[in-house]
């Protein structure tokens, strides 16, 4: 890997936690809910694929977005699914 020989502090300063903007769409049909306890309360982290473009073979490419923790009793009640495209 090209960064393997770099000084760790230098790499962190140049590459770690840089703000970026991506435009695309969230695939709510492929949400993953991961059990999580926050402040002693049971809930789920909601992770959703965010597709940004198609590759040469017309396959959707993107990233996974952790959209945060949802309390257990409302984990399946989502108002945000009407969004078609967005920027993260």
PDB file of N, CA and C in Angstrom:
ATOM      1  N   UNK A   1       0.835  -1.170   0.000  1.00  0.00           N
ATOM      2  CA  UNK A   1       0.000   0.000   0.000  1.00  0.00           C
ATOM      3  C   UNK A   1       0.885   1.241   0.000  1.00  0.00           C
ATOM      4  N   UNK A   2       0.553   2.234  -0.798  1.00  0.00           N
ATOM      5  CA  UNK A   2       1.427   3.398  -0.924  1.00  0.00           C
ATOM      6  C   UNK A   2       1.612   4.173   0.376  1.00  0.00           C
ATOM      7  N   UNK A   3       0.679   4.107   1.296  1.00  0.00           N
ATOM      8  CA  UNK A   3       0.806   4.858   2.535  1.00  0.00           C
ATOM      9  C   UNK A   3       1.511   4.056   3.622  1.00  0.00           C
ATOM     10  N   UNK A   4       1.829   2.795   3.367  1.00  0.00           N
ATOM     11  CA  UNK A   4       2.431   1.925   4.368  1.00  0.00           C
ATOM     12  C   UNK A   4       3.770   2.400   4.890  1.00  0.00           C
ATOM     13  N   UNK A   5       4.528   3.093   4.064  1.00  0.00           N
ATOM     14  CA  UNK A   5       5.854   3.539   4.495  1.00  0.00           C
ATOM     15  C   UNK A   5       5.839   4.956   5.059  1.00  0.00           C
ATOM     16  N   UNK A   6       4.686   5.619   5.073  1.00  0.00           N
ATOM     17  CA  UNK A   6       4.606   6.993   5.578  1.00  0.00           C
ATOM     18  C   UNK A   6       4.621   7.022   7.103  1.00  0.00           C
ATOM     19  N   UNK A   7       5.071   8.140   7.619  1.00  0.00           N
ATOM     20  CA  UNK A   7       4.995   8.397   9.042  1.00  0.00           C
ATOM     21  C   UNK A   7       3.516   8.471   9.425  1.00  0.00           C
ATOM     22  N   UNK A   8       3.122   7.772  10.496  1.00  0.00           N
ATOM     23  CA  UNK A   8       1.719   7.706  10.901  1.00  0.00           C
ATOM     24  C   UNK A   8       1.144   9.090  11.190  1.00  0.00           C
ATOM     25  N   UNK A   9       1.878   9.939  11.887  1.00  0.00           N
ATOM     26  CA  UNK A   9       1.390  11.279  12.215  1.00  0.00           C
ATOM     27  C   UNK A   9       1.166  12.095  10.944  1.00  0.00           C
ATOM     28  N   UNK A  10       2.081  11.981   9.984  1.00  0.00           N
ATOM     29  CA  UNK A  10       1.948  12.710   8.725  1.00  0.00           C
ATOM     30  C   UNK A  10       0.726  12.218   7.946  1.00  0.00           C
ATOM     31  N   UNK A  11       0.548  10.904   7.912  1.00  0.00           N
ATOM     32  CA  UNK A  11      -0.603  10.332   7.219  1.00  0.00           C
ATOM     33  C   UNK A  11      -1.905  10.820   7.852  1.00  0.00           C
ATOM     34  N   UNK A  12      -1.993  10.779   9.182  1.00  0.00           N
ATOM     35  CA  UNK A  12      -3.196  11.235   9.883  1.00  0.00           C
ATOM     36  C   UNK A  12      -3.492  12.695   9.562  1.00  0.00           C
ATOM     37  N   UNK A  13      -2.470  13.532   9.556  1.00  0.00           N
ATOM     38  CA  UNK A  13      -2.670  14.955   9.294  1.00  0.00           C
ATOM     39  C   UNK A  13      -3.173  15.191   7.865  1.00  0.00           C
ATOM     40  N   UNK A  14      -2.659  14.452   6.904  1.00  0.00           N
ATOM     41  CA  UNK A  14      -3.014  14.673   5.504  1.00  0.00           C
ATOM     42  C   UNK A  14      -4.308  13.991   5.081  1.00  0.00           C
ATOM     43  N   UNK A  15      -4.651  12.845   5.687  1.00  0.00           N
ATOM     44  CA  UNK A  15      -5.746  12.045   5.156  1.00  0.00           C
ATOM     45  C   UNK A  15      -6.888  11.746   6.122  1.00  0.00           C
ATOM     46  N   UNK A  16      -6.672  11.790   7.400  1.00  0.00           N
ATOM     47  CA  UNK A  16      -7.695  11.359   8.343  1.00  0.00           C
ATOM     48  C   UNK A  16      -8.751  12.425   8.593  1.00  0.00           C
ATOM     49  N   UNK A  17      -9.997  12.004   8.597  1.00  0.00           N
ATOM     50  CA  UNK A  17     -11.141  12.835   8.968  1.00  0.00           C
ATOM     51  C   UNK A  17     -11.259  14.121   8.162  1.00  0.00           C
ATOM     52  N   UNK A  18     -11.181  14.017   6.884  1.00  0.00           N
ATOM     53  CA  UNK A  18     -11.360  15.165   6.001  1.00  0.00           C
ATOM     54  C   UNK A  18     -12.832  15.276   5.622  1.00  0.00           C
ATOM     55  N   UNK A  19     -13.422  16.475   5.728  1.00  0.00           N
ATOM     56  CA  UNK A  19     -14.819  16.621   5.314  1.00  0.00           C
ATOM     57  C   UNK A  19     -14.950  16.495   3.797  1.00  0.00           C
ATOM     58  N   UNK A  20     -15.963  15.771   3.362  1.00  0.00           N
ATOM     59  CA  UNK A  20     -16.246  15.610   1.940  1.00  0.00           C
ATOM     60  C   UNK A  20     -17.754  15.721   1.737  1.00  0.00           C
ATOM     61  N   UNK A  21     -18.166  15.994   0.500  1.00  0.00           N
ATOM     62  CA  UNK A  21     -19.575  15.984   0.139  1.00  0.00           C
ATOM     63  C   UNK A  21     -19.762  14.989  -0.992  1.00  0.00           C
ATOM     64  N   UNK A  22     -20.773  14.136  -0.864  1.00  0.00           N
ATOM     65  CA  UNK A  22     -21.111  13.164  -1.894  1.00  0.00           C
ATOM     66  C   UNK A  22     -22.579  13.330  -2.241  1.00  0.00           C
ATOM     67  N   UNK A  23     -22.899  13.243  -3.524  1.00  0.00           N
ATOM     68  CA  UNK A  23     -24.276  13.342  -3.973  1.00  0.00           C
ATOM     69  C   UNK A  23     -24.708  11.981  -4.502  1.00  0.00           C
ATOM     70  N   UNK A  24     -25.879  11.530  -4.107  1.00  0.00           N
ATOM     71  CA  UNK A  24     -26.366  10.235  -4.547  1.00  0.00           C
ATOM     72  C   UNK A  24     -27.679   9.912  -3.893  1.00  0.00           C
ATOM     73  N   UNK A  25     -27.933   8.612  -3.688  1.00  0.00           N
ATOM     74  CA  UNK A  25     -29.178   8.233  -3.030  1.00  0.00           C
ATOM     75  C   UNK A  25     -28.949   7.113  -2.030  1.00  0.00           C
ATOM     76  N   UNK A  26     -29.755   7.152  -0.966  1.00  0.00           N
ATOM     77  CA  UNK A  26     -29.727   6.143   0.079  1.00  0.00           C
ATOM     78  C   UNK A  26     -30.650   5.005  -0.317  1.00  0.00           C
ATOM     79  N   UNK A  27     -30.200   3.756  -0.161  1.00  0.00           N
ATOM     80  CA  UNK A  27     -31.004   2.585  -0.478  1.00  0.00           C
ATOM     81  C   UNK A  27     -31.627   2.068   0.815  1.00  0.00           C
ATOM     82  N   UNK A  28     -32.805   2.605   1.162  1.00  0.00           N
ATOM     83  CA  UNK A  28     -33.458   2.256   2.418  1.00  0.00           C
ATOM     84  C   UNK A  28     -33.885   0.793   2.476  1.00  0.00           C
ATOM     85  N   UNK A  29     -34.038   0.154   1.326  1.00  0.00           N
ATOM     86  CA  UNK A  29     -34.423  -1.261   1.311  1.00  0.00           C
ATOM     87  C   UNK A  29     -33.292  -2.173   1.762  1.00  0.00           C
ATOM     88  N   UNK A  30     -32.092  -1.620   1.888  1.00  0.00           N
ATOM     89  CA  UNK A  30     -30.940  -2.438   2.296  1.00  0.00           C
ATOM     90  C   UNK A  30     -30.342  -1.957   3.619  1.00  0.00           C
ATOM     91  N   UNK A  31     -31.151  -1.231   4.413  1.00  0.00           N
ATOM     92  CA  UNK A  31     -30.717  -0.810   5.754  1.00  0.00           C
ATOM     93  C   UNK A  31     -30.237  -2.013   6.554  1.00  0.00           C
ATOM     94  N   UNK A  32     -29.237  -1.797   7.378  1.00  0.00           N
ATOM     95  CA  UNK A  32     -28.791  -2.796   8.344  1.00  0.00           C
ATOM     96  C   UNK A  32     -28.910  -2.151   9.708  1.00  0.00           C
ATOM     97  N   UNK A  33     -29.520  -2.878  10.644  1.00  0.00           N
ATOM     98  CA  UNK A  33     -29.649  -2.373  12.010  1.00  0.00           C
ATOM     99  C   UNK A  33     -28.742  -3.184  12.912  1.00  0.00           C
ATOM    100  N   UNK A  34     -27.893  -2.488  13.644  1.00  0.00           N
ATOM    101  CA  UNK A  34     -26.913  -3.126  14.514  1.00  0.00           C
ATOM    102  C   UNK A  34     -27.270  -2.801  15.962  1.00  0.00           C
ATOM    103  N   UNK A  35     -27.504  -3.835  16.751  1.00  0.00           N
ATOM    104  CA  UNK A  35     -27.880  -3.656  18.147  1.00  0.00           C
ATOM    105  C   UNK A  35     -26.842  -2.799  18.872  1.00  0.00           C
ATOM    106  N   UNK A  36     -27.333  -1.817  19.639  1.00  0.00           N
ATOM    107  CA  UNK A  36     -26.434  -0.917  20.350  1.00  0.00           C
ATOM    108  C   UNK A  36     -27.110  -0.458  21.633  1.00  0.00           C
ATOM    109  N   UNK A  37     -26.313  -0.310  22.674  1.00  0.00           N
ATOM    110  CA  UNK A  37     -26.795   0.274  23.914  1.00  0.00           C
ATOM    111  C   UNK A  37     -26.147   1.640  24.059  1.00  0.00           C
ATOM    112  N   UNK A  38     -26.971   2.677  24.223  1.00  0.00           N
ATOM    113  CA  UNK A  38     -26.471   4.045  24.381  1.00  0.00           C
ATOM    114  C   UNK A  38     -27.058   4.600  25.667  1.00  0.00           C
ATOM    115  N   UNK A  39     -26.202   4.991  26.581  1.00  0.00           N
ATOM    116  CA  UNK A  39     -26.622   5.498  27.892  1.00  0.00           C
ATOM    117  C   UNK A  39     -27.556   4.516  28.595  1.00  0.00           C
ATOM    118  N   UNK A  40     -27.269   3.215  28.443  1.00  0.00           N
ATOM    119  CA  UNK A  40     -28.057   2.181  29.091  1.00  0.00           C
ATOM    120  C   UNK A  40     -29.357   1.829  28.392  1.00  0.00           C
ATOM    121  N   UNK A  41     -29.682   2.510  27.315  1.00  0.00           N
ATOM    122  CA  UNK A  41     -30.922   2.257  26.581  1.00  0.00           C
ATOM    123  C   UNK A  41     -30.639   1.391  25.354  1.00  0.00           C
ATOM    124  N   UNK A  42     -31.509   0.429  25.101  1.00  0.00           N
ATOM    125  CA  UNK A  42     -31.367  -0.453  23.949  1.00  0.00           C
ATOM    126  C   UNK A  42     -31.817   0.280  22.687  1.00  0.00           C
ATOM    127  N   UNK A  43     -31.058   0.131  21.619  1.00  0.00           N
ATOM    128  CA  UNK A  43     -31.390   0.751  20.348  1.00  0.00           C
ATOM    129  C   UNK A  43     -30.636   0.072  19.221  1.00  0.00           C
ATOM    130  N   UNK A  44     -30.638   0.703  18.062  1.00  0.00           N
ATOM    131  CA  UNK A  44     -29.915   0.175  16.910  1.00  0.00           C
ATOM    132  C   UNK A  44     -29.202   1.313  16.196  1.00  0.00           C
ATOM    133  N   UNK A  45     -28.010   1.030  15.691  1.00  0.00           N
ATOM    134  CA  UNK A  45     -27.353   1.914  14.738  1.00  0.00           C
ATOM    135  C   UNK A  45     -27.923   1.556  13.377  1.00  0.00           C
ATOM    136  N   UNK A  46     -28.303   2.560  12.596  1.00  0.00           N
ATOM    137  CA  UNK A  46     -28.868   2.328  11.273  1.00  0.00           C
ATOM    138  C   UNK A  46     -27.785   2.631  10.241  1.00  0.00           C
ATOM    139  N   UNK A  47     -27.391   1.610   9.466  1.00  0.00           N
ATOM    140  CA  UNK A  47     -26.369   1.734   8.431  1.00  0.00           C
ATOM    141  C   UNK A  47     -27.054   1.502   7.083  1.00  0.00           C
ATOM    142  N   UNK A  48     -26.859   2.455   6.153  1.00  0.00           N
ATOM    143  CA  UNK A  48     -27.559   2.422   4.872  1.00  0.00           C
ATOM    144  C   UNK A  48     -26.572   2.605   3.726  1.00  0.00           C
ATOM    145  N   UNK A  49     -26.693   1.794   2.661  1.00  0.00           N
ATOM    146  CA  UNK A  49     -25.858   2.026   1.474  1.00  0.00           C
ATOM    147  C   UNK A  49     -26.219   3.371   0.833  1.00  0.00           C
ATOM    148  N   UNK A  50     -25.207   4.105   0.417  1.00  0.00           N
ATOM    149  CA  UNK A  50     -25.375   5.398  -0.254  1.00  0.00           C
ATOM    150  C   UNK A  50     -24.654   5.291  -1.591  1.00  0.00           C
ATOM    151  N   UNK A  51     -25.437   5.209  -2.674  1.00  0.00           N
ATOM    152  CA  UNK A  51     -24.872   5.000  -4.002  1.00  0.00           C
ATOM    153  C   UNK A  51     -24.571   6.334  -4.668  1.00  0.00           C
ATOM    154  N   UNK A  52     -23.379   6.449  -5.224  1.00  0.00           N
ATOM    155  CA  UNK A  52     -22.915   7.719  -5.789  1.00  0.00           C
ATOM    156  C   UNK A  52     -22.774   7.698  -7.303  1.00  0.00           C
ATOM    157  N   UNK A  53     -22.549   6.522  -7.893  1.00  0.00           N
ATOM    158  CA  UNK A  53     -22.333   6.455  -9.341  1.00  0.00           C
ATOM    159  C   UNK A  53     -22.414   5.004  -9.826  1.00  0.00           C
ATOM    160  N   UNK A  54     -22.370   4.834 -11.129  1.00  0.00           N
ATOM    161  CA  UNK A  54     -22.308   3.506 -11.742  1.00  0.00           C
ATOM    162  C   UNK A  54     -20.911   3.289 -12.300  1.00  0.00           C
ATOM    163  N   UNK A  55     -20.405   2.067 -12.174  1.00  0.00           N
ATOM    164  CA  UNK A  55     -19.090   1.780 -12.747  1.00  0.00           C
ATOM    165  C   UNK A  55     -19.221   1.461 -14.238  1.00  0.00           C
ATOM    166  N   UNK A  56     -18.127   1.028 -14.867  1.00  0.00           N
ATOM    167  CA  UNK A  56     -18.122   0.729 -16.298  1.00  0.00           C
ATOM    168  C   UNK A  56     -19.121  -0.353 -16.684  1.00  0.00           C
ATOM    169  N   UNK A  57     -19.408  -1.240 -15.741  1.00  0.00           N
ATOM    170  CA  UNK A  57     -20.344  -2.339 -15.998  1.00  0.00           C
ATOM    171  C   UNK A  57     -21.759  -2.016 -15.532  1.00  0.00           C
ATOM    172  N   UNK A  58     -22.018  -0.729 -15.265  1.00  0.00           N
ATOM    173  CA  UNK A  58     -23.340  -0.252 -14.836  1.00  0.00           C
ATOM    174  C   UNK A  58     -23.757  -0.787 -13.471  1.00  0.00           C
ATOM    175  N   UNK A  59     -22.796  -1.144 -12.624  1.00  0.00           N
ATOM    176  CA  UNK A  59     -23.097  -1.572 -11.262  1.00  0.00           C
ATOM    177  C   UNK A  59     -23.015  -0.371 -10.339  1.00  0.00           C
ATOM    178  N   UNK A  60     -23.960  -0.283  -9.407  1.00  0.00           N
ATOM    179  CA  UNK A  60     -23.986   0.829  -8.458  1.00  0.00           C
ATOM    180  C   UNK A  60     -22.789   0.757  -7.515  1.00  0.00           C
ATOM    181  N   UNK A  61     -22.137   1.897  -7.296  1.00  0.00           N
ATOM    182  CA  UNK A  61     -20.977   1.992  -6.407  1.00  0.00           C
ATOM    183  C   UNK A  61     -21.263   3.061  -5.355  1.00  0.00           C
ATOM    184  N   UNK A  62     -20.738   2.860  -4.186  1.00  0.00           N
ATOM    185  CA  UNK A  62     -20.952   3.854  -3.147  1.00  0.00           C
ATOM    186  C   UNK A  62     -20.276   3.483  -1.858  1.00  0.00           C
ATOM    187  N   UNK A  63     -20.853   3.985  -0.769  1.00  0.00           N
ATOM    188  CA  UNK A  63     -20.296   3.797   0.562  1.00  0.00           C
ATOM    189  C   UNK A  63     -21.415   3.397   1.520  1.00  0.00           C
ATOM    190  N   UNK A  64     -21.047   2.999   2.731  1.00  0.00           N
ATOM    191  CA  UNK A  64     -22.015   2.757   3.793  1.00  0.00           C
ATOM    192  C   UNK A  64     -22.043   3.983   4.698  1.00  0.00           C
ATOM    193  N   UNK A  65     -23.241   4.425   5.055  1.00  0.00           N
ATOM    194  CA  UNK A  65     -23.404   5.594   5.911  1.00  0.00           C
ATOM    195  C   UNK A  65     -24.058   5.159   7.220  1.00  0.00           C
ATOM    196  N   UNK A  66     -23.384   5.431   8.342  1.00  0.00           N
ATOM    197  CA  UNK A  66     -23.980   5.192   9.650  1.00  0.00           C
ATOM    198  C   UNK A  66     -24.854   6.399   9.952  1.00  0.00           C
ATOM    199  N   UNK A  67     -26.173   6.203   9.934  1.00  0.00           N
ATOM    200  CA  UNK A  67     -27.096   7.314  10.112  1.00  0.00           C
ATOM    201  C   UNK A  67     -27.467   7.544  11.557  1.00  0.00           C
ATOM    202  N   UNK A  68     -26.799   6.861  12.466  1.00  0.00           N
ATOM    203  CA  UNK A  68     -26.988   7.137  13.880  1.00  0.00           C
ATOM    204  C   UNK A  68     -27.809   6.090  14.599  1.00  0.00           C
ATOM    205  N   UNK A  69     -28.027   6.357  15.874  1.00  0.00           N
ATOM    206  CA  UNK A  69     -28.719   5.428  16.762  1.00  0.00           C
ATOM    207  C   UNK A  69     -30.202   5.773  16.828  1.00  0.00           C
ATOM    208  N   UNK A  70     -31.020   4.736  16.751  1.00  0.00           N
ATOM    209  CA  UNK A  70     -32.474   4.885  16.870  1.00  0.00           C
ATOM    210  C   UNK A  70     -32.923   4.078  18.081  1.00  0.00           C
ATOM    211  N   UNK A  71     -33.812   4.627  18.925  1.00  0.00           N
ATOM    212  CA  UNK A  71     -34.301   3.867  20.074  1.00  0.00           C
ATOM    213  C   UNK A  71     -35.000   2.579  19.634  1.00  0.00           C
ATOM    214  N   UNK A  72     -34.925   1.550  20.470  1.00  0.00           N
ATOM    215  CA  UNK A  72     -35.454   0.236  20.134  1.00  0.00           C
ATOM    216  C   UNK A  72     -36.941   0.274  19.787  1.00  0.00           C
ATOM    217  N   UNK A  73     -37.734   1.046  20.524  1.00  0.00           N
ATOM    218  CA  UNK A  73     -39.183   1.016  20.315  1.00  0.00           C
ATOM    219  C   UNK A  73     -39.629   1.688  19.015  1.00  0.00           C
ATOM    220  N   UNK A  74     -38.770   2.457  18.366  1.00  0.00           N
ATOM    221  CA  UNK A  74     -39.129   3.097  17.087  1.00  0.00           C
ATOM    222  C   UNK A  74     -38.138   2.725  15.977  1.00  0.00           C
ATOM    223  N   UNK A  75     -37.437   1.620  16.149  1.00  0.00           N
ATOM    224  CA  UNK A  75     -36.375   1.255  15.206  1.00  0.00           C
ATOM    225  C   UNK A  75     -36.874   1.000  13.791  1.00  0.00           C
ATOM    226  N   UNK A  76     -38.137   0.636  13.620  1.00  0.00           N
ATOM    227  CA  UNK A  76     -38.672   0.370  12.288  1.00  0.00           C
ATOM    228  C   UNK A  76     -39.586   1.475  11.771  1.00  0.00           C
ATOM    229  N   UNK A  77     -39.747   2.520  12.533  1.00  0.00           N
ATOM    230  CA  UNK A  77     -40.617   3.624  12.142  1.00  0.00           C
ATOM    231  C   UNK A  77     -39.760   4.733  11.529  1.00  0.00           C
ATOM    232  N   UNK A  78     -39.751   4.843  10.200  1.00  0.00           N
ATOM    233  CA  UNK A  78     -38.858   5.780   9.512  1.00  0.00           C
ATOM    234  C   UNK A  78     -39.661   6.775   8.695  1.00  0.00           C
ATOM    235  N   UNK A  79     -39.414   8.057   8.934  1.00  0.00           N
ATOM    236  CA  UNK A  79     -40.047   9.121   8.158  1.00  0.00           C
ATOM    237  C   UNK A  79     -39.184   9.567   6.987  1.00  0.00           C
ATOM    238  N   UNK A  80     -37.927   9.182   6.981  1.00  0.00           N
ATOM    239  CA  UNK A  80     -36.965   9.708   6.009  1.00  0.00           C
ATOM    240  C   UNK A  80     -36.933   8.942   4.699  1.00  0.00           C
ATOM    241  N   UNK A  81     -37.738   7.949   4.513  1.00  0.00           N
ATOM    242  CA  UNK A  81     -37.662   7.099   3.326  1.00  0.00           C
ATOM    243  C   UNK A  81     -38.211   7.740   2.059  1.00  0.00           C
ATOM    244  N   UNK A  82     -38.804   8.912   2.152  1.00  0.00           N
ATOM    245  CA  UNK A  82     -39.341   9.587   0.956  1.00  0.00           C
ATOM    246  C   UNK A  82     -38.261  10.345   0.204  1.00  0.00           C
ATOM    247  N   UNK A  83     -37.050  10.431   0.738  1.00  0.00           N
ATOM    248  CA  UNK A  83     -35.954  11.155   0.105  1.00  0.00           C
ATOM    249  C   UNK A  83     -35.493  10.398  -1.140  1.00  0.00           C
ATOM    250  N   UNK A  84     -35.386  11.102  -2.263  1.00  0.00           N
ATOM    251  CA  UNK A  84     -34.909  10.442  -3.497  1.00  0.00           C
ATOM    252  C   UNK A  84     -33.407  10.597  -3.677  1.00  0.00           C
ATOM    253  N   UNK A  85     -32.909  11.818  -3.664  1.00  0.00           N
ATOM    254  CA  UNK A  85     -31.468  12.036  -3.741  1.00  0.00           C
ATOM    255  C   UNK A  85     -31.084  12.982  -2.611  1.00  0.00           C
ATOM    256  N   UNK A  86     -29.830  12.903  -2.227  1.00  0.00           N
ATOM    257  CA  UNK A  86     -29.367  13.745  -1.126  1.00  0.00           C
ATOM    258  C   UNK A  86     -27.872  13.943  -1.215  1.00  0.00           C
ATOM    259  N   UNK A  87     -27.360  14.803  -0.377  1.00  0.00           N
ATOM    260  CA  UNK A  87     -25.931  15.041  -0.240  1.00  0.00           C
ATOM    261  C   UNK A  87     -25.526  14.741   1.183  1.00  0.00           C
ATOM    262  N   UNK A  88     -24.476  13.940   1.341  1.00  0.00           N
ATOM    263  CA  UNK A  88     -23.933  13.668   2.687  1.00  0.00           C
ATOM    264  C   UNK A  88     -22.513  14.155   2.732  1.00  0.00           C
TER     265      UNK A  88
END
